[in-house]
Amino acid sequence: MGTELLDATFAALADPTRRAILARLAAGEATVTELAAPFAMSQPAISKHLKVLERAGLVSRGRDAQRRPCRLEARPLREATAWLADYRDYWAESYQRLDALLGELQSVDQPDSARRRPRPNESHG
C-alpha cells in the first residue's frame, strides 16, 4: 500500500462519524439520505465525510436510476490491517519477553519454601 493511500485511510478512520458511516455501509449500500438519518447533521455535512472516504478509496458511489447508493470498499481496510499486523507481532513478542522476565524474577526472589507450599490436604510428616 502506498504511503499516500495509507495516510488517507488512517485520516478517514480518525473521525467517529466516518467510522460510523463505514459500519453502516458494511451492512449494505445506502444513499446519502439514509446515511444522514442517524446523525444530527445536514446531508451536505455527510457528503463532505463521504468525499473524505471516497478519496481514501473506502467508499464508492454507484448509480441506480435516480438513486446514487454508496458502498463500502474494504480493500484499503485490509491493507491498513496488514500494515498494523507488523506492530501487533512486535507487541506480542515484547509481551512474551516481559512474561519470561517476570517469571525468572519471581523464581529468583522467592525462597525454596515459598515456591512450593504444601497443599491443604497434604500430610506433613
C-alpha atoms as a PDB file:
ATOM      1  CA  MET A   1       0.000   0.000   0.000  1.00  0.00           C
ATOM      2  CA  GLY A   2       1.378   3.402  -0.923  1.00  0.00           C
ATOM      3  CA  THR A   3       2.107   5.886   1.810  1.00  0.00           C
ATOM      4  CA  GLU A   4      -0.420   8.408   0.479  1.00  0.00           C
ATOM      5  CA  LEU A   5      -3.254   5.870   0.424  1.00  0.00           C
ATOM      6  CA  LEU A   6      -2.321   4.577   3.872  1.00  0.00           C
ATOM      7  CA  ASP A   7      -2.272   8.161   5.197  1.00  0.00           C
ATOM      8  CA  ALA A   8      -5.668   8.846   3.600  1.00  0.00           C
ATOM      9  CA  THR A   9      -7.096   5.636   5.092  1.00  0.00           C
ATOM     10  CA  PHE A  10      -5.976   6.450   8.623  1.00  0.00           C
ATOM     11  CA  ALA A  11      -7.073  10.095   8.269  1.00  0.00           C
ATOM     12  CA  ALA A  12     -10.519   8.921   7.162  1.00  0.00           C
ATOM     13  CA  LEU A  13     -10.741   6.468  10.055  1.00  0.00           C
ATOM     14  CA  ALA A  14      -9.752   9.147  12.573  1.00  0.00           C
ATOM     15  CA  ASP A  15     -13.260  10.603  12.629  1.00  0.00           C
ATOM     16  CA  PRO A  16     -16.025   8.783  14.554  1.00  0.00           C
ATOM     17  CA  THR A  17     -18.726   9.886  12.080  1.00  0.00           C
ATOM     18  CA  ARG A  18     -16.789   8.378   9.186  1.00  0.00           C
ATOM     19  CA  ARG A  19     -16.232   5.165  11.135  1.00  0.00           C
ATOM     20  CA  ALA A  20     -19.991   5.002  11.813  1.00  0.00           C
ATOM     21  CA  ILE A  21     -20.700   5.531   8.112  1.00  0.00           C
ATOM     22  CA  LEU A  22     -18.351   2.660   7.237  1.00  0.00           C
ATOM     23  CA  ALA A  23     -20.031   0.450   9.844  1.00  0.00           C
ATOM     24  CA  ARG A  24     -23.420   1.229   8.313  1.00  0.00           C
ATOM     25  CA  LEU A  25     -22.142   0.526   4.787  1.00  0.00           C
ATOM     26  CA  ALA A  26     -20.734  -2.813   5.949  1.00  0.00           C
ATOM     27  CA  ALA A  27     -24.393  -3.869   6.283  1.00  0.00           C
ATOM     28  CA  GLY A  28     -25.146  -2.866   2.679  1.00  0.00           C
ATOM     29  CA  GLU A  29     -25.493   0.018   0.268  1.00  0.00           C
ATOM     30  CA  ALA A  30     -27.140   3.255   1.408  1.00  0.00           C
ATOM     31  CA  THR A  31     -27.952   6.665  -0.008  1.00  0.00           C
ATOM     32  CA  VAL A  32     -26.682   9.923   1.485  1.00  0.00           C
ATOM     33  CA  THR A  33     -30.168  10.486   2.937  1.00  0.00           C
ATOM     34  CA  GLU A  34     -30.113   7.061   4.595  1.00  0.00           C
ATOM     35  CA  LEU A  35     -26.592   7.637   5.903  1.00  0.00           C
ATOM     36  CA  ALA A  36     -27.508  11.069   7.300  1.00  0.00           C
ATOM     37  CA  ALA A  37     -30.596   9.795   9.180  1.00  0.00           C
ATOM     38  CA  PRO A  38     -28.920   8.722  12.459  1.00  0.00           C
ATOM     39  CA  PHE A  39     -26.739  11.839  12.689  1.00  0.00           C
ATOM     40  CA  ALA A  40     -27.581  15.305  13.926  1.00  0.00           C
ATOM     41  CA  MET A  41     -26.030  16.905  10.849  1.00  0.00           C
ATOM     42  CA  SER A  42     -27.054  18.025   7.412  1.00  0.00           C
ATOM     43  CA  GLN A  43     -26.800  16.000   4.221  1.00  0.00           C
ATOM     44  CA  PRO A  44     -24.070  18.358   2.918  1.00  0.00           C
ATOM     45  CA  ALA A  45     -22.023  17.612   6.055  1.00  0.00           C
ATOM     46  CA  ILE A  46     -22.463  13.864   5.479  1.00  0.00           C
ATOM     47  CA  SER A  47     -21.477  14.419   1.831  1.00  0.00           C
ATOM     48  CA  LYS A  48     -18.234  16.023   2.982  1.00  0.00           C
ATOM     49  CA  HIS A  49     -17.476  12.975   5.126  1.00  0.00           C
ATOM     50  CA  LEU A  50     -18.275  10.742   2.149  1.00  0.00           C
ATOM     51  CA  LYS A  51     -15.826  12.685  -0.038  1.00  0.00           C
ATOM     52  CA  VAL A  52     -13.055  12.026   2.502  1.00  0.00           C
ATOM     53  CA  LEU A  53     -13.970   8.330   2.498  1.00  0.00           C
ATOM     54  CA  GLU A  54     -14.054   8.287  -1.319  1.00  0.00           C
ATOM     55  CA  ARG A  55     -10.597   9.909  -1.578  1.00  0.00           C
ATOM     56  CA  ALA A  56      -9.287   7.191   0.732  1.00  0.00           C
ATOM     57  CA  GLY A  57     -10.861   4.554  -1.522  1.00  0.00           C
ATOM     58  CA  LEU A  58     -13.108   3.326   1.294  1.00  0.00           C
ATOM     59  CA  VAL A  59     -16.416   4.243  -0.346  1.00  0.00           C
ATOM     60  CA  SER A  60     -17.677   4.255  -3.914  1.00  0.00           C
ATOM     61  CA  ARG A  61     -20.901   5.645  -5.336  1.00  0.00           C
ATOM     62  CA  GLY A  62     -22.971   3.932  -7.960  1.00  0.00           C
ATOM     63  CA  ARG A  63     -25.964   4.934  -9.986  1.00  0.00           C
ATOM     64  CA  ASP A  64     -29.266   3.109  -9.846  1.00  0.00           C
ATOM     65  CA  ALA A  65     -31.782   5.166 -11.846  1.00  0.00           C
ATOM     66  CA  GLN A  66     -32.425   8.174  -9.590  1.00  0.00           C
ATOM     67  CA  ARG A  67     -30.555   6.658  -6.623  1.00  0.00           C
ATOM     68  CA  ARG A  68     -26.828   7.100  -6.050  1.00  0.00           C
ATOM     69  CA  PRO A  69     -26.089   4.393  -3.489  1.00  0.00           C
ATOM     70  CA  CYS A  70     -22.809   4.393  -1.577  1.00  0.00           C
ATOM     71  CA  ARG A  71     -20.999   1.130  -0.936  1.00  0.00           C
ATOM     72  CA  LEU A  72     -18.090   0.063   1.224  1.00  0.00           C
ATOM     73  CA  GLU A  73     -14.779  -0.670  -0.494  1.00  0.00           C
ATOM     74  CA  ALA A  74     -12.892  -2.777   2.045  1.00  0.00           C
ATOM     75  CA  ARG A  75      -9.534  -3.205   0.251  1.00  0.00           C
ATOM     76  CA  PRO A  76      -7.889  -0.183   1.958  1.00  0.00           C
ATOM     77  CA  LEU A  77      -9.024  -1.524   5.350  1.00  0.00           C
ATOM     78  CA  ARG A  78      -7.417  -4.888   4.619  1.00  0.00           C
ATOM     79  CA  GLU A  79      -4.186  -3.162   3.617  1.00  0.00           C
ATOM     80  CA  ALA A  80      -4.200  -0.952   6.735  1.00  0.00           C
ATOM     81  CA  THR A  81      -4.805  -4.050   8.858  1.00  0.00           C
ATOM     82  CA  ALA A  82      -1.849  -5.782   7.217  1.00  0.00           C
ATOM     83  CA  TRP A  83       0.324  -2.751   7.978  1.00  0.00           C
ATOM     84  CA  LEU A  84      -0.821  -2.794  11.617  1.00  0.00           C
ATOM     85  CA  ALA A  85      -0.203  -6.555  11.889  1.00  0.00           C
ATOM     86  CA  ASP A  86       3.555  -5.948  11.908  1.00  0.00           C
ATOM     87  CA  TYR A  87       3.165  -3.860  15.040  1.00  0.00           C
ATOM     88  CA  ARG A  88       0.817  -6.387  16.633  1.00  0.00           C
ATOM     89  CA  ASP A  89       3.550  -9.011  16.151  1.00  0.00           C
ATOM     90  CA  TYR A  90       6.115  -6.626  17.675  1.00  0.00           C
ATOM     91  CA  TRP A  91       3.987  -6.078  20.781  1.00  0.00           C
ATOM     92  CA  ALA A  92       3.171  -9.782  21.133  1.00  0.00           C
ATOM     93  CA  GLU A  93       6.895 -10.614  21.108  1.00  0.00           C
ATOM     94  CA  SER A  94       7.589  -7.824  23.605  1.00  0.00           C
ATOM     95  CA  TYR A  95       4.916  -9.149  25.970  1.00  0.00           C
ATOM     96  CA  GLN A  96       6.281 -12.682  25.676  1.00  0.00           C
ATOM     97  CA  ARG A  97       9.754 -11.437  26.622  1.00  0.00           C
ATOM     98  CA  LEU A  98       8.285  -9.482  29.535  1.00  0.00           C
ATOM     99  CA  ASP A  99       6.362 -12.554  30.755  1.00  0.00           C
ATOM    100  CA  ALA A 100       9.542 -14.644  30.608  1.00  0.00           C
ATOM    101  CA  LEU A 101      11.498 -12.000  32.526  1.00  0.00           C
ATOM    102  CA  LEU A 102       8.801 -11.706  35.193  1.00  0.00           C
ATOM    103  CA  GLY A 103       8.761 -15.484  35.565  1.00  0.00           C
ATOM    104  CA  GLU A 104      12.542 -15.504  36.069  1.00  0.00           C
ATOM    105  CA  LEU A 105      12.396 -12.666  38.592  1.00  0.00           C
ATOM    106  CA  GLN A 106       9.641 -14.340  40.583  1.00  0.00           C
ATOM    107  CA  SER A 107      11.522 -17.624  40.793  1.00  0.00           C
ATOM    108  CA  VAL A 108      14.745 -15.850  41.918  1.00  0.00           C
ATOM    109  CA  ASP A 109      13.013 -13.666  44.520  1.00  0.00           C
ATOM    110  CA  GLN A 110      11.108 -16.494  46.210  1.00  0.00           C
ATOM    111  CA  PRO A 111      12.886 -18.793  48.684  1.00  0.00           C
ATOM    112  CA  ASP A 112      12.515 -22.529  48.072  1.00  0.00           C
ATOM    113  CA  SER A 113       9.831 -22.872  50.755  1.00  0.00           C
ATOM    114  CA  ALA A 114       7.723 -20.123  49.157  1.00  0.00           C
ATOM    115  CA  ARG A 115       7.980 -21.682  45.696  1.00  0.00           C
ATOM    116  CA  ARG A 116       6.403 -24.932  46.813  1.00  0.00           C
ATOM    117  CA  ARG A 117       3.882 -24.590  49.537  1.00  0.00           C
ATOM    118  CA  PRO A 118       2.128 -27.728  50.725  1.00  0.00           C
ATOM    119  CA  ARG A 119      -1.466 -28.100  49.648  1.00  0.00           C
ATOM    120  CA  PRO A 120      -4.057 -28.095  52.446  1.00  0.00           C
ATOM    121  CA  ASN A 121      -4.730 -31.850  52.018  1.00  0.00           C
ATOM    122  CA  GLU A 122      -1.039 -32.888  52.058  1.00  0.00           C
ATOM    123  CA  SER A 123       0.235 -34.537  55.218  1.00  0.00           C
ATOM    124  CA  HIS A 124       3.292 -33.053  56.969  1.00  0.00           C
ATOM    125  CA  GLY A 125       5.126 -35.882  58.090  1.00  0.00           C
END
